[in-house]
N, C-alpha and C. Protein backbone atom coordinates (compact mmCIF):
# COMPACT_ATOMS: atom_id res chain seq x y z
N MET A 1 -34.56 -31.89 -53.22
CA MET A 1 -35.15 -32.96 -54.01
C MET A 1 -34.30 -34.20 -53.80
N GLY A 2 -34.87 -35.21 -53.17
CA GLY A 2 -34.15 -36.44 -52.90
C GLY A 2 -33.99 -37.28 -54.14
N LYS A 3 -33.11 -38.27 -54.04
CA LYS A 3 -32.83 -39.11 -55.20
C LYS A 3 -34.07 -39.83 -55.72
N LYS A 4 -34.90 -40.32 -54.81
CA LYS A 4 -36.06 -41.10 -55.25
C LYS A 4 -37.37 -40.35 -55.07
N GLU A 5 -37.27 -39.05 -54.81
CA GLU A 5 -38.48 -38.25 -54.63
C GLU A 5 -39.23 -38.14 -55.95
N ARG A 6 -40.50 -38.37 -55.89
CA ARG A 6 -41.35 -38.21 -57.07
C ARG A 6 -42.36 -37.13 -56.76
N ILE A 7 -42.49 -36.19 -57.68
CA ILE A 7 -43.45 -35.13 -57.49
C ILE A 7 -44.29 -35.00 -58.75
N THR A 8 -45.46 -34.42 -58.59
CA THR A 8 -46.33 -34.20 -59.75
C THR A 8 -45.90 -32.91 -60.45
N LEU A 9 -46.39 -32.73 -61.65
CA LEU A 9 -46.10 -31.52 -62.41
C LEU A 9 -46.62 -30.29 -61.66
N ILE A 10 -47.77 -30.42 -61.04
CA ILE A 10 -48.34 -29.31 -60.27
C ILE A 10 -47.41 -28.93 -59.11
N GLU A 11 -46.88 -29.94 -58.41
CA GLU A 11 -45.97 -29.68 -57.31
C GLU A 11 -44.69 -29.02 -57.81
N MET A 12 -44.20 -29.46 -58.95
CA MET A 12 -43.00 -28.88 -59.52
C MET A 12 -43.24 -27.41 -59.88
N GLU A 13 -44.38 -27.13 -60.47
CA GLU A 13 -44.72 -25.75 -60.81
C GLU A 13 -44.77 -24.88 -59.56
N ARG A 14 -45.37 -25.39 -58.51
CA ARG A 14 -45.47 -24.65 -57.25
C ARG A 14 -44.08 -24.37 -56.70
N LYS A 15 -43.22 -25.40 -56.72
CA LYS A 15 -41.86 -25.23 -56.20
C LYS A 15 -41.08 -24.22 -57.04
N LEU A 16 -41.28 -24.23 -58.34
CA LEU A 16 -40.59 -23.25 -59.19
C LEU A 16 -41.10 -21.83 -58.92
N LEU A 17 -42.40 -21.69 -58.69
CA LEU A 17 -42.97 -20.38 -58.39
C LEU A 17 -42.47 -19.86 -57.04
N ASP A 18 -42.27 -20.75 -56.09
CA ASP A 18 -41.80 -20.37 -54.76
C ASP A 18 -40.28 -20.28 -54.66
N ASP A 19 -39.58 -20.58 -55.72
CA ASP A 19 -38.12 -20.66 -55.73
C ASP A 19 -37.50 -19.27 -55.91
N LYS A 20 -37.46 -18.52 -54.84
CA LYS A 20 -37.00 -17.12 -54.92
C LYS A 20 -35.52 -17.00 -55.23
N ASP A 21 -34.70 -17.92 -54.75
CA ASP A 21 -33.25 -17.82 -54.97
C ASP A 21 -32.77 -18.64 -56.19
N GLY A 22 -33.66 -19.35 -56.83
CA GLY A 22 -33.30 -20.11 -58.03
C GLY A 22 -32.62 -21.44 -57.78
N SER A 23 -32.53 -21.85 -56.52
CA SER A 23 -31.81 -23.09 -56.20
C SER A 23 -32.55 -24.33 -56.70
N TYR A 24 -33.87 -24.32 -56.61
CA TYR A 24 -34.65 -25.48 -57.09
C TYR A 24 -34.51 -25.61 -58.60
N ARG A 25 -34.60 -24.47 -59.30
CA ARG A 25 -34.46 -24.48 -60.76
C ARG A 25 -33.08 -25.03 -61.14
N GLN A 26 -32.04 -24.58 -60.44
CA GLN A 26 -30.69 -25.05 -60.73
C GLN A 26 -30.55 -26.55 -60.45
N GLU A 27 -31.20 -27.01 -59.40
CA GLU A 27 -31.17 -28.44 -59.08
C GLU A 27 -31.82 -29.26 -60.19
N LEU A 28 -32.95 -28.79 -60.69
CA LEU A 28 -33.62 -29.49 -61.80
C LEU A 28 -32.75 -29.49 -63.05
N LEU A 29 -32.15 -28.35 -63.36
CA LEU A 29 -31.31 -28.25 -64.55
C LEU A 29 -30.07 -29.13 -64.43
N LYS A 30 -29.52 -29.23 -63.23
CA LYS A 30 -28.37 -30.11 -63.01
C LYS A 30 -28.75 -31.56 -63.26
N LYS A 31 -29.91 -31.98 -62.75
CA LYS A 31 -30.36 -33.36 -62.93
C LYS A 31 -30.62 -33.64 -64.41
N LEU A 32 -31.24 -32.69 -65.11
CA LEU A 32 -31.47 -32.86 -66.55
C LEU A 32 -30.15 -32.97 -67.30
N ALA A 33 -29.14 -32.18 -66.91
CA ALA A 33 -27.83 -32.25 -67.56
C ALA A 33 -27.20 -33.63 -67.35
N GLU A 34 -27.39 -34.21 -66.17
CA GLU A 34 -26.88 -35.56 -65.92
C GLU A 34 -27.56 -36.57 -66.83
N TYR A 35 -28.87 -36.46 -66.97
CA TYR A 35 -29.60 -37.36 -67.87
C TYR A 35 -29.16 -37.15 -69.31
N GLN A 36 -28.97 -35.88 -69.71
CA GLN A 36 -28.54 -35.59 -71.07
C GLN A 36 -27.17 -36.20 -71.36
N GLN A 37 -26.28 -36.13 -70.40
CA GLN A 37 -24.94 -36.71 -70.58
C GLN A 37 -25.03 -38.22 -70.75
N PHE A 38 -25.88 -38.86 -69.95
CA PHE A 38 -26.07 -40.30 -70.06
C PHE A 38 -26.60 -40.66 -71.45
N VAL A 39 -27.62 -39.94 -71.91
CA VAL A 39 -28.22 -40.21 -73.21
C VAL A 39 -27.19 -39.99 -74.33
N LYS A 40 -26.43 -38.91 -74.23
CA LYS A 40 -25.40 -38.63 -75.23
C LYS A 40 -24.37 -39.76 -75.29
N SER A 41 -23.96 -40.25 -74.13
CA SER A 41 -22.97 -41.33 -74.12
C SER A 41 -23.53 -42.61 -74.73
N ARG A 42 -24.81 -42.86 -74.49
CA ARG A 42 -25.44 -44.05 -75.09
C ARG A 42 -25.53 -43.90 -76.60
N ILE A 43 -25.91 -42.72 -77.08
CA ILE A 43 -25.99 -42.49 -78.52
C ILE A 43 -24.61 -42.66 -79.16
N ASN A 44 -23.59 -42.11 -78.50
CA ASN A 44 -22.23 -42.18 -79.04
C ASN A 44 -21.61 -43.57 -78.94
N SER A 45 -22.21 -44.44 -78.14
CA SER A 45 -21.65 -45.78 -77.97
C SER A 45 -21.96 -46.70 -79.14
N GLY A 46 -22.87 -46.25 -79.99
CA GLY A 46 -23.25 -47.07 -81.13
C GLY A 46 -24.45 -47.92 -80.79
N LEU A 47 -25.56 -47.57 -81.34
CA LEU A 47 -26.83 -48.26 -81.09
C LEU A 47 -27.38 -48.80 -82.39
N ASP A 48 -28.22 -49.81 -82.28
CA ASP A 48 -28.93 -50.25 -83.47
C ASP A 48 -29.93 -49.15 -83.84
N PRO A 49 -30.51 -49.19 -85.03
CA PRO A 49 -31.41 -48.11 -85.46
C PRO A 49 -32.57 -47.86 -84.50
N ARG A 50 -33.15 -48.92 -83.97
CA ARG A 50 -34.28 -48.74 -83.03
C ARG A 50 -33.80 -48.05 -81.75
N GLY A 51 -32.68 -48.50 -81.21
CA GLY A 51 -32.12 -47.89 -80.00
C GLY A 51 -31.76 -46.44 -80.23
N PHE A 52 -31.16 -46.16 -81.39
CA PHE A 52 -30.80 -44.78 -81.72
C PHE A 52 -32.05 -43.90 -81.75
N ASP A 53 -33.11 -44.39 -82.37
CA ASP A 53 -34.35 -43.63 -82.46
C ASP A 53 -34.91 -43.34 -81.06
N ILE A 54 -34.91 -44.36 -80.21
CA ILE A 54 -35.43 -44.19 -78.85
C ILE A 54 -34.61 -43.15 -78.08
N PHE A 55 -33.29 -43.28 -78.12
CA PHE A 55 -32.46 -42.35 -77.36
C PHE A 55 -32.45 -40.95 -77.98
N ASN A 56 -32.61 -40.86 -79.28
CA ASN A 56 -32.71 -39.55 -79.91
C ASN A 56 -33.99 -38.83 -79.48
N LYS A 57 -35.08 -39.57 -79.39
CA LYS A 57 -36.34 -38.98 -78.91
C LYS A 57 -36.22 -38.56 -77.45
N LEU A 58 -35.53 -39.36 -76.66
CA LEU A 58 -35.30 -39.02 -75.26
C LEU A 58 -34.44 -37.76 -75.17
N LYS A 59 -33.44 -37.66 -76.02
CA LYS A 59 -32.58 -36.46 -76.08
C LYS A 59 -33.42 -35.21 -76.36
N GLN A 60 -34.33 -35.32 -77.32
CA GLN A 60 -35.19 -34.19 -77.68
C GLN A 60 -36.13 -33.83 -76.52
N ALA A 61 -36.65 -34.84 -75.84
CA ALA A 61 -37.54 -34.60 -74.71
C ALA A 61 -36.81 -33.90 -73.57
N LEU A 62 -35.58 -34.31 -73.30
CA LEU A 62 -34.79 -33.68 -72.25
C LEU A 62 -34.48 -32.23 -72.60
N GLU A 63 -34.19 -31.96 -73.85
CA GLU A 63 -33.92 -30.58 -74.29
C GLU A 63 -35.18 -29.73 -74.13
N SER A 64 -36.33 -30.28 -74.46
CA SER A 64 -37.59 -29.55 -74.29
C SER A 64 -37.87 -29.28 -72.82
N ALA A 65 -37.60 -30.27 -71.97
CA ALA A 65 -37.79 -30.09 -70.53
C ALA A 65 -36.87 -28.99 -70.01
N LYS A 66 -35.63 -28.99 -70.46
CA LYS A 66 -34.66 -27.96 -70.05
C LYS A 66 -35.16 -26.58 -70.46
N ASP A 67 -35.59 -26.42 -71.71
CA ASP A 67 -36.11 -25.15 -72.18
C ASP A 67 -37.32 -24.70 -71.37
N THR A 68 -38.19 -25.63 -71.04
CA THR A 68 -39.39 -25.31 -70.26
C THR A 68 -39.01 -24.80 -68.88
N ILE A 69 -38.08 -25.46 -68.22
CA ILE A 69 -37.67 -25.03 -66.88
C ILE A 69 -36.95 -23.69 -66.92
N ILE A 70 -36.10 -23.49 -67.91
CA ILE A 70 -35.39 -22.21 -68.03
C ILE A 70 -36.38 -21.06 -68.23
N ASN A 71 -37.41 -21.29 -69.04
CA ASN A 71 -38.35 -20.21 -69.39
C ASN A 71 -39.57 -20.13 -68.48
N PHE A 72 -39.66 -21.01 -67.49
CA PHE A 72 -40.83 -20.99 -66.60
C PHE A 72 -40.81 -19.72 -65.76
N LYS A 73 -41.93 -19.04 -65.73
CA LYS A 73 -42.05 -17.80 -64.95
C LYS A 73 -43.17 -17.90 -63.95
């Protein structure tokens, strides 16, 4: 998965189904962890209430994405 590669949800599902060694899943989880760290650092940096709300929702979305990828069969 390249830095600027964009894929559809259908393509991602196909890649996860074909991912026999788990490397694609691990790559996705690594990228999500990077995004989560960025969001956490922004939240911890002190945001106004609107910014906090936006980043908190993004944090929740990333956690849901992580759970979905972990549990995808």
